[in-house]
Amino acid sequence: MHIPAGNAVMILVFPTLYLPPLSPNPTININTKPKKPKMPSPLPPFTRHITTHDPTTGKATIHSSTPATFTTFENDAFAFSVPYTTTTFPANLTNEADIHAHEATIASGTLGLVSPGGTVCRIVDFAPGQEPLMHRTRSLDYGIVLEGEIVMELDSGEKRVLKKGDVAVQRGTMHAWRNPSQDKWVRMLFVLQDCLPVEVGGRVLGEDLGGAELSHVEEGKI
């Protein structure tokens, strides 16, 4: 599979994505197959709450409360949802510019794993026993385990077991996520921020999506 540089979706664990009533989110398609068909994630749904400000009083108010929509693929081995994105840093919140930019990004169907010049908030559910995909994005990532336990594998061979509540800070890291359970799903929240190319020992570590192919399709069409 092939993903255009700078326009990947994580994947992976990937991945890119979805939420009504904002336009249907695009999703990813990875040819890394699980060993056997999986059941849809049993983890509970969540609601995204966005705040804004009353133009008269300046006080904080609720802009919207939207139930999340997950998109699954590869025999339900993964499920993705993208609550929010930004396209600039720092983000411009005046006159709801960031909300309009997010809606436009989702509607365009071009969001990759990383939002160039901005951030991506992504929820990923991992099926038990799914095949991990070693990959690297040009981004600074915060990964928080919300449910279950998962193994973070690095290309050096190092591994760490992350438990519920643990946080991974990945800095342009070649890595893979493995759910070691045979019957429990794992849910993680990722925040990916675009970054400058990482240079190590005079070499630039470019994006490497491990042979994954990213395709943007309308929700429910895969």
C-alpha atoms as a PDB file:
ATOM      1  CA  MET A   1       0.000   0.000   0.000  1.00  0.00           C
ATOM      2  CA  HIS A   2       1.119   3.585  -0.567  1.00  0.00           C
ATOM      3  CA  ILE A   3       0.365   6.779   1.302  1.00  0.00           C
ATOM      4  CA  PRO A   4       1.399  10.182  -0.043  1.00  0.00           C
ATOM      5  CA  ALA A   5       4.105  11.753   2.117  1.00  0.00           C
ATOM      6  CA  GLY A   6       2.766  14.293   4.554  1.00  0.00           C
ATOM      7  CA  ASN A   7      -0.788  13.111   4.017  1.00  0.00           C
ATOM      8  CA  ALA A   8      -1.074   9.978   6.097  1.00  0.00           C
ATOM      9  CA  VAL A   9      -3.812   9.030   8.457  1.00  0.00           C
ATOM     10  CA  MET A  10      -3.106   7.114  11.501  1.00  0.00           C
ATOM     11  CA  ILE A  11      -3.178   4.896  11.244  1.00  0.00           C
ATOM     12  CA  LEU A  12      -2.563   3.495  13.118  1.00  0.00           C
ATOM     13  CA  VAL A  13      -2.697   3.146  13.934  1.00  0.00           C
ATOM     14  CA  PHE A  14      -3.890   4.761  12.186  1.00  0.00           C
ATOM     15  CA  PRO A  15      -6.098   6.956  11.336  1.00  0.00           C
ATOM     16  CA  THR A  16      -8.598   9.701   9.776  1.00  0.00           C
ATOM     17  CA  LEU A  17     -11.957  10.376  10.226  1.00  0.00           C
ATOM     18  CA  TYR A  18     -15.422  11.166  11.410  1.00  0.00           C
ATOM     19  CA  LEU A  19     -18.204  12.894  13.250  1.00  0.00           C
ATOM     20  CA  PRO A  20     -21.658  14.196  12.369  1.00  0.00           C
ATOM     21  CA  PRO A  21     -23.218  16.671  12.018  1.00  0.00           C
ATOM     22  CA  LEU A  22     -19.956  17.973  10.640  1.00  0.00           C
ATOM     23  CA  SER A  23     -19.517  16.502   7.204  1.00  0.00           C
ATOM     24  CA  PRO A  24     -18.927  12.728   7.051  1.00  0.00           C
ATOM     25  CA  ASN A  25     -15.375  11.946   8.021  1.00  0.00           C
ATOM     26  CA  PRO A  26     -12.986  10.189   5.698  1.00  0.00           C
ATOM     27  CA  THR A  27     -11.364   6.952   6.783  1.00  0.00           C
ATOM     28  CA  ILE A  28      -8.395   4.832   6.077  1.00  0.00           C
ATOM     29  CA  ASN A  29      -7.857   1.543   4.408  1.00  0.00           C
ATOM     30  CA  ILE A  30      -4.890  -0.592   5.407  1.00  0.00           C
ATOM     31  CA  ASN A  31      -3.981  -3.890   3.839  1.00  0.00           C
ATOM     32  CA  THR A  32      -2.590  -5.254   7.077  1.00  0.00           C
ATOM     33  CA  LYS A  33      -5.074  -8.044   7.761  1.00  0.00           C
ATOM     34  CA  PRO A  34      -5.931  -9.383  11.219  1.00  0.00           C
ATOM     35  CA  LYS A  35      -5.497 -13.093  11.745  1.00  0.00           C
ATOM     36  CA  LYS A  36      -9.248 -13.620  11.893  1.00  0.00           C
ATOM     37  CA  PRO A  37     -12.437 -11.562  11.548  1.00  0.00           C
ATOM     38  CA  LYS A  38     -13.191  -9.381  14.547  1.00  0.00           C
ATOM     39  CA  MET A  39     -16.396  -8.278  16.199  1.00  0.00           C
ATOM     40  CA  PRO A  40     -17.194  -4.534  16.253  1.00  0.00           C
ATOM     41  CA  SER A  41     -15.738  -2.686  19.219  1.00  0.00           C
ATOM     42  CA  PRO A  42     -17.907  -3.099  22.330  1.00  0.00           C
ATOM     43  CA  LEU A  43     -16.399  -0.006  23.969  1.00  0.00           C
ATOM     44  CA  PRO A  44     -18.939   2.704  24.813  1.00  0.00           C
ATOM     45  CA  PRO A  45     -19.619   5.655  22.507  1.00  0.00           C
ATOM     46  CA  PHE A  46     -18.633   9.160  23.508  1.00  0.00           C
ATOM     47  CA  THR A  47     -19.925  12.667  22.895  1.00  0.00           C
ATOM     48  CA  ARG A  48     -17.835  15.600  21.709  1.00  0.00           C
ATOM     49  CA  HIS A  49     -18.679  18.916  23.408  1.00  0.00           C
ATOM     50  CA  ILE A  50     -17.421  22.127  21.776  1.00  0.00           C
ATOM     51  CA  THR A  51     -17.551  25.459  23.603  1.00  0.00           C
ATOM     52  CA  THR A  52     -17.782  28.985  22.227  1.00  0.00           C
ATOM     53  CA  HIS A  53     -18.536  32.478  23.584  1.00  0.00           C
ATOM     54  CA  ASP A  54     -21.615  34.640  23.752  1.00  0.00           C
ATOM     55  CA  PRO A  55     -20.843  37.593  21.432  1.00  0.00           C
ATOM     56  CA  THR A  56     -22.661  39.998  23.761  1.00  0.00           C
ATOM     57  CA  THR A  57     -21.470  38.951  27.212  1.00  0.00           C
ATOM     58  CA  GLY A  58     -18.233  37.181  26.313  1.00  0.00           C
ATOM     59  CA  LYS A  59     -19.232  34.330  28.593  1.00  0.00           C
ATOM     60  CA  ALA A  60     -18.529  30.730  27.650  1.00  0.00           C
ATOM     61  CA  THR A  61     -21.398  28.757  26.130  1.00  0.00           C
ATOM     62  CA  ILE A  62     -21.874  25.360  24.519  1.00  0.00           C
ATOM     63  CA  HIS A  63     -21.540  25.452  20.740  1.00  0.00           C
ATOM     64  CA  SER A  64     -22.517  21.825  20.124  1.00  0.00           C
ATOM     65  CA  SER A  65     -22.709  18.370  21.694  1.00  0.00           C
ATOM     66  CA  THR A  66     -22.291  15.675  19.072  1.00  0.00           C
ATOM     67  CA  PRO A  67     -22.299  11.875  19.479  1.00  0.00           C
ATOM     68  CA  ALA A  68     -19.151  10.451  17.914  1.00  0.00           C
ATOM     69  CA  THR A  69     -19.227   8.272  14.844  1.00  0.00           C
ATOM     70  CA  PHE A  70     -16.649   5.492  14.496  1.00  0.00           C
ATOM     71  CA  THR A  71     -15.596   4.007  11.195  1.00  0.00           C
ATOM     72  CA  THR A  72     -14.205   0.466  11.147  1.00  0.00           C
ATOM     73  CA  PHE A  73     -12.131  -1.365   8.564  1.00  0.00           C
ATOM     74  CA  GLU A  74     -10.103  -4.519   7.962  1.00  0.00           C
ATOM     75  CA  ASN A  75     -12.709  -6.908   9.378  1.00  0.00           C
ATOM     76  CA  ASP A  76     -13.328  -4.515  12.258  1.00  0.00           C
ATOM     77  CA  ALA A  77      -9.716  -4.779  13.452  1.00  0.00           C
ATOM     78  CA  PHE A  78      -9.664  -1.023  14.072  1.00  0.00           C
ATOM     79  CA  ALA A  79     -12.183   1.725  14.683  1.00  0.00           C
ATOM     80  CA  PHE A  80     -11.468   5.445  14.325  1.00  0.00           C
ATOM     81  CA  SER A  81     -13.086   8.726  15.217  1.00  0.00           C
ATOM     82  CA  VAL A  82     -11.711  12.261  14.892  1.00  0.00           C
ATOM     83  CA  PRO A  83     -13.343  14.660  17.359  1.00  0.00           C
ATOM     84  CA  TYR A  84     -11.385  17.706  16.214  1.00  0.00           C
ATOM     85  CA  THR A  85      -8.615  19.122  14.051  1.00  0.00           C
ATOM     86  CA  THR A  86      -6.813  22.434  13.656  1.00  0.00           C
ATOM     87  CA  THR A  87      -4.967  23.759  10.637  1.00  0.00           C
ATOM     88  CA  THR A  88      -2.797  26.477  12.205  1.00  0.00           C
ATOM     89  CA  PHE A  89      -0.577  26.834  15.261  1.00  0.00           C
ATOM     90  CA  PRO A  90      -1.419  28.685  17.371  1.00  0.00           C
ATOM     91  CA  ALA A  91      -5.049  28.064  16.498  1.00  0.00           C
ATOM     92  CA  ASN A  92      -7.276  31.028  15.616  1.00  0.00           C
ATOM     93  CA  LEU A  93     -10.424  30.855  17.755  1.00  0.00           C
ATOM     94  CA  THR A  94     -11.839  34.275  16.831  1.00  0.00           C
ATOM     95  CA  ASN A  95     -15.242  34.202  15.130  1.00  0.00           C
ATOM     96  CA  GLU A  96     -15.132  30.392  15.338  1.00  0.00           C
ATOM     97  CA  ALA A  97     -12.448  30.292  12.643  1.00  0.00           C
ATOM     98  CA  ASP A  98     -11.119  26.995  14.012  1.00  0.00           C
ATOM     99  CA  ILE A  99     -14.562  25.369  13.932  1.00  0.00           C
ATOM    100  CA  HIS A 100     -15.083  26.425  10.323  1.00  0.00           C
ATOM    101  CA  ALA A 101     -11.600  25.147   9.437  1.00  0.00           C
ATOM    102  CA  HIS A 102     -12.315  21.786  11.073  1.00  0.00           C
ATOM    103  CA  GLU A 103     -15.598  21.413   9.200  1.00  0.00           C
ATOM    104  CA  ALA A 104     -13.850  22.270   5.934  1.00  0.00           C
ATOM    105  CA  THR A 105     -11.055  19.784   6.627  1.00  0.00           C
ATOM    106  CA  ILE A 106     -13.463  16.938   7.305  1.00  0.00           C
ATOM    107  CA  ALA A 107     -15.652  17.837   4.337  1.00  0.00           C
ATOM    108  CA  SER A 108     -12.630  17.879   2.017  1.00  0.00           C
ATOM    109  CA  GLY A 109     -11.819  14.230   2.683  1.00  0.00           C
ATOM    110  CA  THR A 110      -8.101  15.036   2.559  1.00  0.00           C
ATOM    111  CA  LEU A 111      -7.139  14.747   6.222  1.00  0.00           C
ATOM    112  CA  GLY A 112      -4.184  12.461   6.776  1.00  0.00           C
ATOM    113  CA  LEU A 113      -2.690  11.134   9.967  1.00  0.00           C
ATOM    114  CA  VAL A 114      -1.242  14.588  10.532  1.00  0.00           C
ATOM    115  CA  SER A 115      -2.819  17.976   9.814  1.00  0.00           C
ATOM    116  CA  PRO A 116      -0.071  20.092   8.179  1.00  0.00           C
ATOM    117  CA  GLY A 117       0.611  23.094  10.397  1.00  0.00           C
ATOM    118  CA  GLY A 118      -2.007  21.996  12.906  1.00  0.00           C
ATOM    119  CA  THR A 119      -3.229  19.211  15.174  1.00  0.00           C
ATOM    120  CA  VAL A 120      -5.454  16.139  15.071  1.00  0.00           C
ATOM    121  CA  CYS A 121      -7.378  14.655  17.989  1.00  0.00           C
ATOM    122  CA  ARG A 122      -8.142  11.015  17.196  1.00  0.00           C
ATOM    123  CA  ILE A 123      -9.750   8.143  19.105  1.00  0.00           C
ATOM    124  CA  VAL A 124      -8.643   4.657  18.052  1.00  0.00           C
ATOM    125  CA  ASP A 125     -10.075   1.302  19.159  1.00  0.00           C
ATOM    126  CA  PHE A 126      -7.801  -1.745  18.696  1.00  0.00           C
ATOM    127  CA  ALA A 127      -9.285  -5.221  18.369  1.00  0.00           C
ATOM    128  CA  PRO A 128      -7.792  -8.072  20.418  1.00  0.00           C
ATOM    129  CA  GLY A 129      -4.979  -9.865  18.614  1.00  0.00           C
ATOM    130  CA  GLN A 130      -4.746  -7.337  15.766  1.00  0.00           C
ATOM    131  CA  GLU A 131      -1.570  -7.279  13.659  1.00  0.00           C
ATOM    132  CA  PRO A 132       0.560  -4.202  14.492  1.00  0.00           C
ATOM    133  CA  LEU A 133       1.931  -1.920  11.779  1.00  0.00           C
ATOM    134  CA  MET A 134       5.360  -0.312  12.299  1.00  0.00           C
ATOM    135  CA  HIS A 135       5.152   3.301  11.127  1.00  0.00           C
ATOM    136  CA  ARG A 136       6.362   6.850  11.699  1.00  0.00           C
ATOM    137  CA  THR A 137       4.647  10.179  11.088  1.00  0.00           C
ATOM    138  CA  ARG A 138       6.260  13.608  11.068  1.00  0.00           C
ATOM    139  CA  SER A 139       4.571  14.697  14.246  1.00  0.00           C
ATOM    140  CA  LEU A 140       4.752  15.062  18.010  1.00  0.00           C
ATOM    141  CA  ASP A 141       2.167  12.634  19.398  1.00  0.00           C
ATOM    142  CA  TYR A 142       0.503  12.307  22.788  1.00  0.00           C
ATOM    143  CA  GLY A 143      -1.124   8.903  23.204  1.00  0.00           C
ATOM    144  CA  ILE A 144      -3.304   8.215  26.255  1.00  0.00           C
ATOM    145  CA  VAL A 145      -4.726   4.797  27.065  1.00  0.00           C
ATOM    146  CA  LEU A 146      -8.417   5.183  27.905  1.00  0.00           C
ATOM    147  CA  GLU A 147      -9.394   1.510  28.138  1.00  0.00           C
ATOM    148  CA  GLY A 148      -7.379  -1.717  28.407  1.00  0.00           C
ATOM    149  CA  GLU A 149      -3.639  -2.341  28.016  1.00  0.00           C
ATOM    150  CA  ILE A 150      -1.489  -2.081  24.899  1.00  0.00           C
ATOM    151  CA  VAL A 151       2.136  -2.723  23.966  1.00  0.00           C
ATOM    152  CA  MET A 152       4.182   0.055  22.360  1.00  0.00           C
ATOM    153  CA  GLU A 153       6.854  -1.516  20.144  1.00  0.00           C
ATOM    154  CA  LEU A 154       9.794   0.522  18.796  1.00  0.00           C
ATOM    155  CA  ASP A 155      11.999  -0.243  15.804  1.00  0.00           C
ATOM    156  CA  SER A 156      14.934  -0.685  18.219  1.00  0.00           C
ATOM    157  CA  GLY A 157      13.159  -3.722  19.646  1.00  0.00           C
ATOM    158  CA  GLU A 158      12.271  -1.968  22.899  1.00  0.00           C
ATOM    159  CA  LYS A 159       8.750  -2.486  24.225  1.00  0.00           C
ATOM    160  CA  ARG A 160       6.598  -0.968  26.946  1.00  0.00           C
ATOM    161  CA  VAL A 161       3.221  -2.072  28.266  1.00  0.00           C
ATOM    162  CA  LEU A 162       0.914   0.908  28.650  1.00  0.00           C
ATOM    163  CA  LYS A 163      -1.952   0.532  31.091  1.00  0.00           C
ATOM    164  CA  LYS A 164      -5.144   2.547  31.457  1.00  0.00           C
ATOM    165  CA  GLY A 165      -4.196   6.147  32.166  1.00  0.00           C
ATOM    166  CA  ASP A 166      -0.624   5.849  30.864  1.00  0.00           C
ATOM    167  CA  VAL A 167       0.702   8.409  28.393  1.00  0.00           C
ATOM    168  CA  ALA A 168       3.136   7.952  25.503  1.00  0.00           C
ATOM    169  CA  VAL A 169       4.967  10.990  24.119  1.00  0.00           C
ATOM    170  CA  GLN A 170       6.247  10.055  20.679  1.00  0.00           C
ATOM    171  CA  ARG A 171       8.640  12.376  18.862  1.00  0.00           C
ATOM    172  CA  GLY A 172       8.746  11.349  15.217  1.00  0.00           C
ATOM    173  CA  THR A 173       8.927   7.770  16.474  1.00  0.00           C
ATOM    174  CA  MET A 174       8.964   4.565  14.417  1.00  0.00           C
ATOM    175  CA  HIS A 175       6.544   2.419  16.371  1.00  0.00           C
ATOM    176  CA  ALA A 176       3.705  -0.074  16.374  1.00  0.00           C
ATOM    177  CA  TRP A 177       0.805  -0.782  18.730  1.00  0.00           C
ATOM    178  CA  ARG A 178      -0.030  -4.343  19.740  1.00  0.00           C
ATOM    179  CA  ASN A 179      -3.117  -5.354  21.680  1.00  0.00           C
ATOM    180  CA  PRO A 180      -1.927  -8.514  23.482  1.00  0.00           C
ATOM    181  CA  SER A 181      -5.364  -9.479  24.780  1.00  0.00           C
ATOM    182  CA  GLN A 182      -7.285 -12.315  23.171  1.00  0.00           C
ATOM    183  CA  ASP A 183     -10.694 -10.945  24.123  1.00  0.00           C
ATOM    184  CA  LYS A 184     -10.496  -7.286  25.206  1.00  0.00           C
ATOM    185  CA  TRP A 185     -10.459  -4.175  23.037  1.00  0.00           C
ATOM    186  CA  VAL A 186      -8.172  -1.207  23.725  1.00  0.00           C
ATOM    187  CA  ARG A 187      -9.094   2.451  23.281  1.00  0.00           C
ATOM    188  CA  MET A 188      -6.535   5.233  22.951  1.00  0.00           C
ATOM    189  CA  LEU A 189      -6.770   8.971  22.481  1.00  0.00           C
ATOM    190  CA  PHE A 190      -4.110  10.531  20.261  1.00  0.00           C
ATOM    191  CA  VAL A 191      -3.229  14.179  19.741  1.00  0.00           C
ATOM    192  CA  LEU A 192      -0.863  14.624  16.797  1.00  0.00           C
ATOM    193  CA  GLN A 193       0.892  17.940  16.215  1.00  0.00           C
ATOM    194  CA  ASP A 194       2.785  18.707  13.030  1.00  0.00           C
ATOM    195  CA  CYS A 195       6.516  19.185  13.611  1.00  0.00           C
ATOM    196  CA  LEU A 196       9.731  20.020  11.787  1.00  0.00           C
ATOM    197  CA  PRO A 197      11.566  17.101  10.149  1.00  0.00           C
ATOM    198  CA  VAL A 198      13.491  15.087  12.752  1.00  0.00           C
ATOM    199  CA  GLU A 199      17.249  14.969  12.146  1.00  0.00           C
ATOM    200  CA  VAL A 200      19.349  12.313  13.908  1.00  0.00           C
ATOM    201  CA  GLY A 201      23.072  11.883  13.284  1.00  0.00           C
ATOM    202  CA  GLY A 202      22.898  14.014  10.158  1.00  0.00           C
ATOM    203  CA  ARG A 203      20.032  11.970   8.701  1.00  0.00           C
ATOM    204  CA  VAL A 204      16.474  13.188   8.305  1.00  0.00           C
ATOM    205  CA  LEU A 205      13.931  10.657   9.547  1.00  0.00           C
ATOM    206  CA  GLY A 206      11.104  10.880   7.058  1.00  0.00           C
ATOM    207  CA  GLU A 207       7.555   9.667   7.265  1.00  0.00           C
ATOM    208  CA  ASP A 208       7.276   5.892   6.963  1.00  0.00           C
ATOM    209  CA  LEU A 209       3.857   4.291   6.961  1.00  0.00           C
ATOM    210  CA  GLY A 210       5.057   0.724   6.719  1.00  0.00           C
ATOM    211  CA  GLY A 211       3.539  -0.010   3.335  1.00  0.00           C
ATOM    212  CA  ALA A 212       0.045   1.063   4.391  1.00  0.00           C
ATOM    213  CA  GLU A 213      -2.320   2.478   1.817  1.00  0.00           C
ATOM    214  CA  LEU A 214      -4.534   5.336   2.766  1.00  0.00           C
ATOM    215  CA  SER A 215      -7.788   5.946   0.991  1.00  0.00           C
ATOM    216  CA  HIS A 216     -10.372   8.543   1.937  1.00  0.00           C
ATOM    217  CA  VAL A 217     -13.892   7.252   1.584  1.00  0.00           C
ATOM    218  CA  GLU A 218     -17.199   8.426   2.871  1.00  0.00           C
ATOM    219  CA  GLU A 219     -18.288   7.044   6.167  1.00  0.00           C
ATOM    220  CA  GLY A 220     -20.236   3.832   5.894  1.00  0.00           C
ATOM    221  CA  LYS A 221     -19.000   3.098   2.376  1.00  0.00           C
ATOM    222  CA  ILE A 222     -16.382   0.519   3.376  1.00  0.00           C
END
